[in-house]
Protein backbone atom coordinates (compact mmCIF):
# COMPACT_ATOMS: atom_id res chain seq x y z
CA MET A 1 -3.15 47.86 78.65
CA SER A 2 -2.12 45.67 75.74
CA GLN A 3 -4.40 45.15 72.77
CA ALA A 4 -4.89 41.66 73.68
CA ALA A 5 -5.88 42.53 77.22
CA THR A 6 -8.20 45.19 75.90
CA ASP A 7 -9.87 42.66 73.55
CA THR A 8 -10.25 40.11 76.37
CA ARG A 9 -11.83 42.68 78.66
CA GLN A 10 -14.23 43.80 75.87
CA LYS A 11 -15.11 40.13 75.09
CA LEU A 12 -16.17 39.64 78.70
CA ILE A 13 -18.22 42.85 78.73
CA ASP A 14 -20.01 41.88 75.37
CA THR A 15 -20.60 38.33 76.50
CA ALA A 16 -21.91 39.20 79.96
CA GLY A 17 -24.23 41.97 78.57
CA ARG A 18 -25.64 39.57 76.12
CA LEU A 19 -26.07 36.60 78.55
CA ILE A 20 -27.76 38.74 81.11
CA TRP A 21 -30.04 40.25 78.60
CA MET A 22 -31.01 36.83 77.23
CA ASN A 23 -31.49 35.28 80.68
CA SER A 24 -31.07 37.26 83.83
CA TYR A 25 -28.35 38.44 86.19
CA GLY A 26 -29.09 35.77 88.73
CA ALA A 27 -29.16 32.90 86.19
CA VAL A 28 -25.76 33.83 84.65
CA SER A 29 -22.63 32.83 86.65
CA VAL A 30 -19.06 33.89 86.26
CA ASP A 31 -18.28 30.43 84.91
CA ASP A 32 -21.11 30.82 82.29
CA ILE A 33 -19.55 34.12 81.18
CA CYS A 34 -16.01 32.75 80.93
CA LYS A 35 -17.08 29.76 79.05
CA ALA A 36 -19.07 31.69 76.60
CA ALA A 37 -16.40 34.28 76.13
CA ASP A 38 -13.68 31.57 75.96
CA VAL A 39 -11.76 33.36 78.67
CA LYS A 40 -10.05 31.83 81.68
CA LYS A 41 -11.57 32.62 85.06
CA GLY A 42 -8.34 34.13 86.29
CA SER A 43 -8.57 36.60 83.46
CA PHE A 44 -12.02 37.49 84.55
CA TYR A 45 -10.92 38.47 87.99
CA HIS A 46 -7.91 40.35 86.66
CA PHE A 47 -10.33 42.81 85.02
CA PHE A 48 -13.39 42.60 87.29
CA PRO A 49 -13.53 42.12 91.06
CA SER A 50 -16.91 40.67 90.80
CA LYS A 51 -19.85 39.87 88.47
CA ALA A 52 -21.54 43.06 89.64
CA ASP A 53 -18.58 45.15 88.50
CA LEU A 54 -18.80 43.38 85.08
CA ALA A 55 -22.48 44.21 84.88
CA MET A 56 -21.77 47.86 85.51
CA ALA A 57 -19.20 47.77 82.77
CA ALA A 58 -21.78 46.10 80.42
CA LEU A 59 -24.23 48.98 81.38
CA ASP A 60 -21.56 51.50 80.56
CA HIS A 61 -21.00 49.83 77.22
CA GLU A 62 -24.78 49.73 76.50
CA GLU A 63 -24.95 53.53 77.03
CA ALA A 64 -21.87 54.08 74.86
CA VAL A 65 -23.42 52.08 72.03
CA LEU A 66 -26.80 53.74 72.35
CA ARG A 67 -25.61 57.36 72.14
CA PRO A 68 -24.66 57.49 68.55
CA VAL A 69 -27.83 55.58 67.66
CA TYR A 70 -29.93 58.09 69.52
CA ASP A 71 -27.91 60.95 67.87
CA MET A 72 -28.81 59.59 64.53
CA ILE A 73 -32.54 58.97 65.24
CA PHE A 74 -33.09 62.20 67.18
CA SER A 75 -31.11 64.44 64.78
CA ALA A 76 -32.56 67.98 64.62
CA SER A 77 -32.54 67.57 60.83
CA ARG A 78 -35.20 64.87 61.09
CA PRO A 79 -38.98 65.79 61.65
CA PRO A 80 -39.90 65.15 65.35
CA VAL A 81 -42.70 62.61 64.55
CA GLU A 82 -40.29 60.68 62.25
CA ARG A 83 -37.84 60.52 65.26
CA LEU A 84 -40.45 58.73 67.32
CA THR A 85 -41.68 56.37 64.59
CA MET A 86 -38.07 55.56 63.75
CA LEU A 87 -37.36 54.72 67.37
CA ALA A 88 -40.38 52.38 67.55
CA ASP A 89 -39.37 50.66 64.36
CA LEU A 90 -35.81 50.10 65.51
CA ILE A 91 -36.96 48.69 68.89
CA VAL A 92 -39.24 46.24 67.17
CA GLU A 93 -36.57 45.28 64.66
CA LYS A 94 -33.97 44.72 67.36
CA GLN A 95 -36.45 42.59 69.44
CA ALA A 96 -37.35 40.51 66.42
CA ASP A 97 -33.63 39.90 65.66
CA MET A 98 -32.98 38.66 69.12
CA LEU A 99 -36.25 36.53 69.06
CA ARG A 100 -34.94 34.81 65.82
CA GLU A 101 -31.50 34.32 67.25
CA VAL A 102 -32.21 33.08 70.81
CA GLY A 103 -35.77 31.80 70.61
CA HIS A 104 -37.48 34.14 73.04
CA VAL A 105 -38.14 37.83 73.60
CA CYS A 106 -35.39 39.56 75.60
CA GLY A 107 -37.12 42.98 76.26
CA CYS A 108 -35.20 46.05 77.38
CA PRO A 109 -31.57 45.20 78.64
CA SER A 110 -31.36 47.86 81.30
CA GLY A 111 -35.05 47.63 82.21
CA SER A 112 -34.88 43.89 82.75
CA LEU A 113 -31.70 44.19 84.87
CA GLY A 114 -33.34 47.09 86.82
CA CYS A 115 -36.30 45.01 87.56
CA GLU A 116 -34.08 42.36 89.00
CA LEU A 117 -31.49 44.37 90.94
CA ALA A 118 -32.45 48.01 91.39
CA GLY A 119 -34.10 47.35 94.66
CA THR A 120 -31.11 45.66 96.14
CA ASP A 121 -28.01 47.19 94.44
CA SER A 122 -27.97 51.01 94.58
CA ILE A 123 -25.01 51.31 92.27
CA ILE A 124 -26.79 49.37 89.51
CA LYS A 125 -29.93 51.41 90.15
CA ASP A 126 -28.03 54.76 89.74
CA LYS A 127 -26.41 53.56 86.64
CA ILE A 128 -29.82 52.57 85.05
CA ASP A 129 -31.20 55.79 86.12
CA GLN A 130 -28.42 57.50 84.27
CA ILE A 131 -29.21 55.54 81.11
CA PHE A 132 -32.89 56.36 81.48
CA THR A 133 -32.08 60.10 81.97
CA PHE A 134 -30.01 60.16 78.84
CA LYS A 135 -32.86 58.72 76.76
CA LYS A 136 -35.34 61.20 78.29
CA ARG A 137 -33.21 64.14 77.20
CA TYR A 138 -33.75 63.09 73.54
CA TYR A 139 -37.45 62.60 74.15
CA GLU A 140 -37.84 65.94 75.83
CA SER A 141 -36.01 67.77 73.04
CA THR A 142 -38.37 66.08 70.45
CA ILE A 143 -41.47 67.15 72.52
CA ARG A 144 -40.19 70.69 72.51
CA ASP A 145 -39.75 70.61 68.83
CA LEU A 146 -43.36 69.42 68.44
CA VAL A 147 -44.52 72.32 70.60
CA THR A 148 -42.48 74.76 68.49
CA GLU A 149 -44.09 73.31 65.25
CA GLY A 150 -47.58 73.71 66.79
CA GLN A 151 -48.28 69.94 66.95
CA LEU A 152 -48.46 70.05 70.73
CA PRO A 153 -49.97 72.91 72.99
CA GLN A 154 -47.71 75.54 74.19
CA ASP A 155 -48.35 74.62 77.81
CA THR A 156 -47.14 70.99 77.27
CA ASP A 157 -45.00 69.83 80.21
CA CYS A 158 -42.19 68.49 78.09
CA LYS A 159 -40.27 66.82 81.01
CA ALA A 160 -43.46 64.93 82.16
CA ARG A 161 -44.17 63.78 78.67
CA ALA A 162 -40.64 62.54 78.19
CA ASP A 163 -41.08 60.56 81.44
CA GLU A 164 -44.27 59.01 80.06
CA ILE A 165 -42.57 58.06 76.85
CA LEU A 166 -39.73 56.23 78.76
CA ASP A 167 -42.38 54.49 80.95
CA TYR A 168 -44.38 53.44 77.97
CA ILE A 169 -41.59 52.06 75.92
CA THR A 170 -39.99 50.29 78.89
CA GLY A 171 -43.35 48.85 79.93
CA GLN A 172 -44.15 47.66 76.44
CA MET A 173 -40.86 45.70 76.23
CA LEU A 174 -41.36 44.34 79.60
CA VAL A 175 -44.77 42.99 78.58
CA ALA A 176 -43.37 41.50 75.44
CA ARG A 177 -40.72 39.63 77.58
CA VAL A 178 -43.25 38.38 80.00
CA GLN A 179 -45.58 37.22 77.27
CA ASN A 180 -42.70 35.99 75.14
CA SER A 181 -44.44 37.55 72.11
CA LEU A 182 -43.80 40.38 69.82
CA ASP A 183 -47.40 40.56 68.62
CA HIS A 184 -48.49 43.39 70.88
CA LEU A 185 -45.28 45.29 70.37
CA GLU A 186 -45.47 45.10 66.61
CA ARG A 187 -49.09 46.21 66.41
CA ASN A 188 -49.07 48.95 69.12
CA LEU A 189 -45.61 50.34 70.12
CA LYS A 190 -45.58 52.96 67.28
CA SER A 191 -49.18 53.92 67.23
CA GLY A 192 -49.49 53.86 71.08
CA LEU A 193 -46.46 56.03 71.37
CA LEU A 194 -48.11 58.70 69.09
CA ARG A 195 -51.41 58.40 70.82
CA LEU A 196 -49.65 58.99 74.11
CA LEU A 197 -48.78 62.45 72.77
CA GLY A 198 -52.07 62.97 71.00
CA LEU A 199 -50.53 62.66 67.49
CA LYS A 200 -51.64 60.74 64.53
CA ASP A 201 -49.74 57.96 62.92
CA PRO A 202 -48.67 59.37 59.52
CA GLY A 203 -48.59 55.83 58.13
CA SER A 204 -52.10 54.70 59.33
CA ALA A 205 -54.83 53.73 56.77
CA ALA A 206 -57.10 56.49 58.14
CA ASP A 207 -54.47 59.26 57.56
CA ALA A 208 -53.66 57.91 54.07
CA ALA A 209 -57.30 57.88 52.94
C-alpha cells in the first residue's frame, strides 16, 4: 500500500472514531465520515466494505493508542496508588479537552459504542470485550502490587476488584455523558476509585492535616 493510500485509510479511521465518539454510531453516516475526512466515497469502500468494518478498525486503533499510555501510567516503577490517581486525572483531563472542543461530554469511546451496538453486533462486542480485558490486566497487576505492599488484604480477589474498577470508571463516564456534565467526574472519580479499594486519597485535606 502506498503512503498516500495508508494516509487516506488512517484519516478515515481517525475521523470515524472521533465522529462516533462525539455523536453515536447510528447518527454518523458514511457520507458524514467521507465529508469530514475529505475523502471520496469510492475511496472509503476501497478500504472498508462497510461502516461496521471501519468502526472495528477505529476500535483497533483506539486499543493501539491506549497501550503505550497504559504502559506509562501503570509502569512497575510507579507506586500503585499513584497509577490509579494518574489514570483518574488523565480521564478527567481528556474528557475536559473534548468538552471544550465539541461542546458536550463524550464519555468512554468503547463504552458508548458498546452500549449502542454490543447487543446486536457480536463482532463489535467481542472487540470491546478485548479492550476491556486489556485494561483489566493493568488494574489487576496494580491490585496485586497493593496486596504485596500490604495496602490491601492478602485474601483480596484481585481479578474481581479489577472488574469492579473497570465497571466503576466506565459507569462514571457514562453518567457524565448522560448528564452532559463533568462536575461529578471531577469531584468523585479519583476519590471514589480509591474508596472502592478501601484506600485513602493521598491528596485529600484530611490526609494532609
